[in-house]
Protein backbone atom coordinates (compact mmCIF):
# COMPACT_ATOMS: atom_id res chain seq x y z
CA UNK A 1 25.33 6.74 1.43
CA UNK A 2 24.08 4.49 -1.33
CA UNK A 3 20.84 2.41 -1.44
CA UNK A 4 22.38 -0.87 -0.35
CA UNK A 5 24.10 0.61 2.66
CA UNK A 6 20.89 2.40 3.59
CA UNK A 7 18.80 -0.81 3.19
CA UNK A 8 21.16 -2.70 5.57
CA UNK A 9 21.03 0.29 8.18
CA UNK A 10 17.33 0.23 8.05
CA UNK A 11 17.14 -3.41 8.49
CA UNK A 12 19.13 -3.20 11.75
CA UNK A 13 16.89 -0.32 12.81
CA UNK A 14 13.82 -2.37 12.04
CA UNK A 15 15.07 -5.30 14.15
CA UNK A 16 15.79 -2.97 16.98
CA UNK A 17 12.47 -1.18 16.72
CA UNK A 18 10.62 -4.55 16.74
CA UNK A 19 12.37 -5.66 19.84
CA UNK A 20 11.66 -2.46 21.53
CA UNK A 21 8.01 -2.49 20.71
CA UNK A 22 7.61 -6.13 21.81
CA UNK A 23 9.20 -5.36 25.13
CA UNK A 24 7.03 -2.22 25.69
CA UNK A 25 3.85 -4.43 25.20
CA UNK A 26 5.34 -7.09 27.52
CA UNK A 27 5.78 -4.42 30.32
CA UNK A 28 2.21 -3.15 29.76
CA UNK A 29 0.85 -6.82 30.14
CA UNK A 30 2.90 -7.37 33.26
CA UNK A 31 1.92 -4.20 34.91
CA UNK A 32 -1.74 -4.75 34.22
CA UNK A 33 -1.55 -8.28 35.42
CA UNK A 34 0.07 -7.25 38.64
CA UNK A 35 -2.39 -4.28 39.14
CA UNK A 36 -5.20 -6.92 38.77
CA UNK A 37 -3.65 -9.16 41.37
CA UNK A 38 -2.62 -6.42 43.73
CA UNK A 39 -5.34 -3.80 44.33
CA UNK A 40 -2.83 -1.38 45.90
CA UNK A 41 -0.68 -1.40 42.87
CA UNK A 42 -3.69 -1.15 40.59
CA UNK A 43 -4.83 1.98 42.31
CA UNK A 44 -1.48 3.66 42.28
CA UNK A 45 -0.60 2.71 38.80
CA UNK A 46 -3.96 3.58 37.08
CA UNK A 47 -6.27 5.65 39.22
CA UNK A 48 -9.16 6.26 36.90
CA UNK A 49 -7.10 4.64 34.04
CA UNK A 50 -5.41 7.71 32.80
CA UNK A 51 -1.96 6.62 33.88
CA UNK A 52 -2.49 3.18 32.35
CA UNK A 53 -3.81 4.80 29.15
CA UNK A 54 -0.61 6.86 29.04
CA UNK A 55 1.48 3.86 29.29
CA UNK A 56 -0.54 2.18 26.48
CA UNK A 57 -0.23 5.23 24.23
CA UNK A 58 3.52 5.20 24.75
CA UNK A 59 3.53 1.40 23.68
CA UNK A 60 1.37 2.36 20.61
CA UNK A 61 3.79 5.09 19.52
CA UNK A 62 6.67 2.71 20.00
CA UNK A 63 5.11 0.15 17.99
CA UNK A 64 4.48 2.63 15.16
CA UNK A 65 8.24 3.09 14.75
CA UNK A 66 8.78 -0.41 13.16
CA UNK A 67 5.99 0.60 10.66
CA UNK A 68 7.64 3.89 9.64
CA UNK A 69 11.08 2.12 9.26
CA UNK A 70 9.25 -0.75 7.24
CA UNK A 71 8.02 1.76 4.69
CA UNK A 72 11.58 3.14 4.10
CA UNK A 73 13.10 -0.28 4.13
CA UNK A 74 10.63 -1.58 1.50
CA UNK A 75 11.13 1.48 -0.77
CA UNK A 76 15.06 1.07 -0.57
CA UNK A 77 14.74 -2.67 -1.21
CA UNK A 78 12.56 -2.08 -4.22
CA UNK A 79 14.97 0.64 -5.63
CA UNK A 80 17.99 -1.66 -5.11
CA UNK A 81 16.37 -4.36 -6.91
CA UNK A 82 15.81 -2.01 -9.81
CA UNK A 83 19.34 -0.50 -9.85
CA UNK A 84 21.27 -3.68 -9.30
CA UNK A 85 19.74 -5.49 -12.21
CA UNK A 86 18.92 -8.66 -10.17
CA UNK A 87 15.24 -8.50 -11.29
CA UNK A 88 14.68 -5.62 -13.57
CA UNK A 89 16.94 -4.69 -16.44
CA UNK A 90 16.89 -2.00 -19.22
CA UNK A 91 15.15 -3.68 -22.24
CA UNK A 92 16.63 -3.75 -25.70
CA UNK A 93 15.87 -0.66 -27.90
CA UNK A 94 14.13 -2.97 -30.34
CA UNK A 95 11.52 -3.86 -27.56
CA UNK A 96 11.00 -0.29 -26.12
CA UNK A 97 11.10 1.71 -29.50
CA UNK A 98 7.47 0.47 -30.65
CA UNK A 99 6.04 1.29 -27.20
CA UNK A 100 7.78 4.62 -27.02
CA UNK A 101 6.46 5.53 -30.51
CA UNK A 102 2.84 4.40 -29.74
CA UNK A 103 2.92 6.45 -26.31
CA UNK A 104 3.98 9.62 -28.40
CA UNK A 105 1.52 8.85 -31.20
CA UNK A 106 -1.54 8.37 -28.97
CA UNK A 107 -0.46 11.56 -26.92
CA UNK A 108 -0.11 9.72 -23.69
CA UNK A 109 3.54 10.23 -22.83
CA UNK A 110 3.46 13.91 -23.70
CA UNK A 111 0.77 14.39 -21.12
CA UNK A 112 3.13 13.73 -18.34
CA UNK A 113 6.22 15.66 -16.99
CA UNK A 114 9.52 14.06 -16.04
CA UNK A 115 11.45 11.21 -17.11
CA UNK A 116 9.78 7.62 -16.92
CA UNK A 117 12.35 4.81 -17.11
CA UNK A 118 10.93 1.64 -18.72
CA UNK A 119 12.39 -1.54 -17.25
CA UNK A 120 11.51 -5.35 -17.81
CA UNK A 121 11.34 -8.00 -15.35
CA UNK A 122 13.65 -10.64 -16.97
CA UNK A 123 12.13 -13.75 -15.57
CA UNK A 124 8.48 -12.89 -15.72
CA UNK A 125 6.53 -14.40 -18.70
CA UNK A 126 3.31 -13.06 -17.53
CA UNK A 127 1.40 -10.11 -18.66
CA UNK A 128 2.01 -7.39 -16.20
CA UNK A 129 2.69 -3.74 -15.71
CA UNK A 130 3.38 -1.50 -12.67
CA UNK A 131 4.97 1.76 -11.56
CA UNK A 132 7.24 2.81 -8.84
CA UNK A 133 8.47 6.19 -8.12
CA UNK A 134 10.90 7.91 -5.63
CA UNK A 135 11.64 11.46 -5.12
CA UNK A 136 13.37 12.05 -8.43
CA UNK A 137 12.75 9.03 -10.61
CA UNK A 138 9.59 7.09 -12.07
CA UNK A 139 9.95 3.64 -13.23
CA UNK A 140 7.54 1.73 -15.48
CA UNK A 141 8.16 -2.00 -14.78
CA UNK A 142 6.92 -4.48 -17.50
CA UNK A 143 7.07 -8.20 -17.66
CA UNK A 144 8.56 -9.97 -20.45
CA UNK A 145 5.11 -11.26 -21.42
CA UNK A 146 3.94 -7.64 -21.74
CA UNK A 147 6.12 -7.05 -25.01
CA UNK A 148 4.38 -10.12 -26.61
CA UNK A 149 0.92 -8.88 -25.63
CA UNK A 150 1.69 -5.32 -27.11
CA UNK A 151 2.77 -6.84 -30.28
CA UNK A 152 -0.45 -8.77 -30.59
CA UNK A 153 -2.76 -6.34 -29.13
CA UNK A 154 -1.29 -2.86 -29.14
CA UNK A 155 -4.53 -0.90 -28.50
CA UNK A 156 -5.20 -3.00 -25.29
CA UNK A 157 -1.42 -2.70 -24.22
CA UNK A 158 -1.73 1.14 -24.61
CA UNK A 159 -4.86 1.16 -22.34
CA UNK A 160 -2.77 -0.61 -19.66
CA UNK A 161 0.26 1.87 -20.14
CA UNK A 162 -2.36 4.78 -20.04
CA UNK A 163 -3.62 3.41 -16.69
CA UNK A 164 -0.05 3.23 -15.21
CA UNK A 165 0.85 6.59 -16.56
CA UNK A 166 -2.15 8.09 -14.88
CA UNK A 167 -0.96 6.67 -11.57
CA UNK A 168 2.26 8.42 -12.00
CA UNK A 169 0.66 11.65 -12.95
CA UNK A 170 -1.54 11.47 -9.85
CA UNK A 171 1.26 10.56 -7.63
CA UNK A 172 -0.14 7.35 -6.54
CA UNK A 173 3.02 5.43 -7.26
CA UNK A 174 4.94 7.49 -4.50
CA UNK A 175 2.41 6.22 -1.90
CA UNK A 176 1.85 2.61 -2.79
CA UNK A 177 4.54 1.21 -0.75
CA UNK A 178 3.35 2.99 2.50
CA UNK A 179 -0.26 2.17 1.76
CA UNK A 180 0.39 -1.50 1.29
CA UNK A 181 2.27 -1.76 4.49
CA UNK A 182 -0.15 0.25 6.38
CA UNK A 183 -2.82 -2.12 5.11
CA UNK A 184 -0.96 -5.06 6.31
CA UNK A 185 -0.12 -3.32 9.64
CA UNK A 186 -3.58 -2.31 10.24
CA UNK A 187 -5.08 -5.76 9.68
CA UNK A 188 -2.50 -7.75 11.43
CA UNK A 189 -1.57 -5.55 14.36
CA UNK A 190 -3.37 -2.23 14.83
CA UNK A 191 -7.08 -3.59 14.82
CA UNK A 192 -6.35 -6.78 16.95
CA UNK A 193 -4.50 -4.64 19.56
CA UNK A 194 -7.44 -2.00 19.42
CA UNK A 195 -9.89 -4.99 19.92
CA UNK A 196 -7.90 -6.43 22.89
CA UNK A 197 -7.75 -3.10 24.51
CA UNK A 198 -11.42 -2.39 24.02
CA UNK A 199 -12.20 -5.69 25.72
CA UNK A 200 -9.90 -4.94 28.72
CA UNK A 201 -11.43 -1.44 29.00
CA UNK A 202 -14.93 -2.93 29.16
CA UNK A 203 -13.91 -5.52 31.96
CA UNK A 204 -12.14 -2.81 34.00
CA UNK A 205 -14.84 0.02 33.60
CA UNK A 206 -16.51 -1.15 36.67
CA UNK A 207 -13.30 -0.57 38.64
CA UNK A 208 -13.49 3.18 37.79
CA UNK A 209 -11.15 3.16 34.85
CA UNK A 210 -13.15 5.65 32.83
CA UNK A 211 -10.18 7.60 31.35
CA UNK A 212 -8.75 4.21 29.93
CA UNK A 213 -12.20 3.15 28.52
CA UNK A 214 -12.47 6.48 26.77
CA UNK A 215 -8.88 6.17 25.46
CA UNK A 216 -9.47 2.53 24.29
CA UNK A 217 -12.85 3.40 22.68
CA UNK A 218 -11.28 6.24 20.66
CA UNK A 219 -8.41 4.17 19.64
CA UNK A 220 -10.64 1.23 18.60
CA UNK A 221 -12.83 3.54 16.38
CA UNK A 222 -9.97 5.33 14.84
CA UNK A 223 -8.48 1.78 14.09
CA UNK A 224 -11.67 0.60 12.33
CA UNK A 225 -11.92 3.72 10.41
CA UNK A 226 -8.23 3.43 9.05
CA UNK A 227 -8.78 -0.33 8.21
CA UNK A 228 -11.68 0.54 5.99
CA UNK A 229 -10.32 3.81 4.74
CA UNK A 230 -7.12 2.31 3.20
CA UNK A 231 -8.92 -0.18 0.81
CA UNK A 232 -11.38 2.56 -0.01
CA UNK A 233 -8.60 4.94 -0.89
CA UNK A 234 -6.82 2.32 -2.95
CA UNK A 235 -9.99 1.60 -5.00
CA UNK A 236 -10.31 5.39 -5.45
CA UNK A 237 -6.76 5.39 -6.98
CA UNK A 238 -7.68 2.64 -9.36
CA UNK A 239 -10.96 4.28 -10.51
CA UNK A 240 -9.10 7.67 -10.99
CA UNK A 241 -6.38 5.84 -13.10
CA UNK A 242 -8.94 3.90 -14.98
CA UNK A 243 -10.67 7.16 -15.93
CA UNK A 244 -7.42 8.62 -17.02
CA UNK A 245 -6.82 5.56 -19.43
CA UNK A 246 -10.43 5.77 -20.72
CA UNK A 247 -9.85 9.49 -21.73
CA UNK A 248 -6.59 8.62 -23.33
CA UNK A 249 -7.76 5.44 -25.09
CA UNK A 250 -11.27 4.03 -24.54
CA UNK A 251 -13.36 2.27 -22.06
CA UNK A 252 -13.60 -0.66 -24.48
CA UNK A 253 -10.03 -1.27 -24.83
CA UNK A 254 -9.42 -0.96 -21.09
CA UNK A 255 -12.10 -3.47 -20.36
CA UNK A 256 -10.79 -5.86 -22.90
CA UNK A 257 -7.48 -5.50 -21.75
CA UNK A 258 -8.40 -6.36 -18.08
CA UNK A 259 -10.21 -9.40 -19.40
CA UNK A 260 -7.34 -10.38 -21.63
CA UNK A 261 -4.46 -10.36 -19.00
CA UNK A 262 -6.77 -11.86 -16.38
CA UNK A 263 -5.83 -9.44 -13.48
CA UNK A 264 -7.31 -10.94 -10.16
CA UNK A 265 -9.45 -13.35 -12.21
CA UNK A 266 -10.12 -15.09 -8.99
CA UNK A 267 -11.49 -12.05 -7.14
CA UNK A 268 -9.76 -10.09 -4.55
CA UNK A 269 -6.29 -11.16 -3.80
CA UNK A 270 -6.48 -9.07 -0.57
CA UNK A 271 -8.42 -6.05 0.57
CA UNK A 272 -5.72 -3.78 -0.86
CA UNK A 273 -6.13 -4.61 -4.51
CA UNK A 274 -9.61 -4.31 -6.15
CA UNK A 275 -10.56 -7.25 -8.24
CA UNK A 276 -10.86 -7.38 -12.01
CA UNK A 277 -14.50 -7.87 -11.92
CA UNK A 278 -15.05 -4.84 -9.54
CA UNK A 279 -12.77 -2.55 -11.95
CA UNK A 280 -14.72 -3.63 -14.98
CA UNK A 281 -18.12 -2.88 -13.28
CA UNK A 282 -16.95 0.57 -12.34
CA UNK A 283 -15.55 1.29 -15.90
CA UNK A 284 -19.02 0.29 -17.29
CA UNK A 285 -20.77 2.47 -14.84
CA UNK A 286 -18.50 5.44 -15.65
CA UNK A 287 -19.13 4.75 -19.36
CA UNK A 288 -22.91 5.02 -18.94
CA UNK A 289 -22.57 8.28 -16.91
CA UNK A 290 -20.37 9.85 -19.42
CA UNK A 291 -21.03 9.01 -22.96
CA UNK A 292 -17.75 10.70 -24.41
CA UNK A 293 -15.83 7.84 -22.64
């Protein structure tokens, strides 16, 4: 089955999973409201809250299915955009050859195993570079503007490329799609649901629903931890890749590159991506600690 067919199939599964998840929460809400109105139903359904907690757990697990499908769907969509040439194309050899030569000359490319395919976004005049990987292939995606930037600032461009190669070497590029979707899922769904359940658990605690309260508390705490862990983990990835770029080029070149291309010049675009200012501060801190950088 090719990528296009897999993408269409995953899209259908995603719709079905979202519909199932929505209906599972609808059933939970109806049962809870009926339990509040009918004391008899309330006791038979929940007891000390363990039964209700089990129903909520099932709804949470069902809701997790669309997240898993979304990760696979986004991966297939990205790979299709790469392979069908709608957004990214193989750049002319005359554009790639100087970059390839510089990567070899500065011993950047030889540090990494496996093939890395260079592609260009044909309608992107900005200066940008990113990496995407699947199980067997690594893609270095460059904007059209990056080639002009490389021509006028080769050392700064190499610092950016060394950063991206470090991501591939560390395996970050294989996890980015899942982490970005997890970040959005956590902020928009996971934490709000956990907060509502926590409020309900507090309100029903006097009614003897101790088991449900314990469950809601555990779910709320884990949701908060996950929500904070994802951006912290992402920042750690950026620091590690910056460190790799500093070892292969220099901290001065990397800082000048970040300032020149203006990544996140307005600060955080979201909690998933660390700002340019934050990264430069970290690079300078690392430079002070390690003089060889």
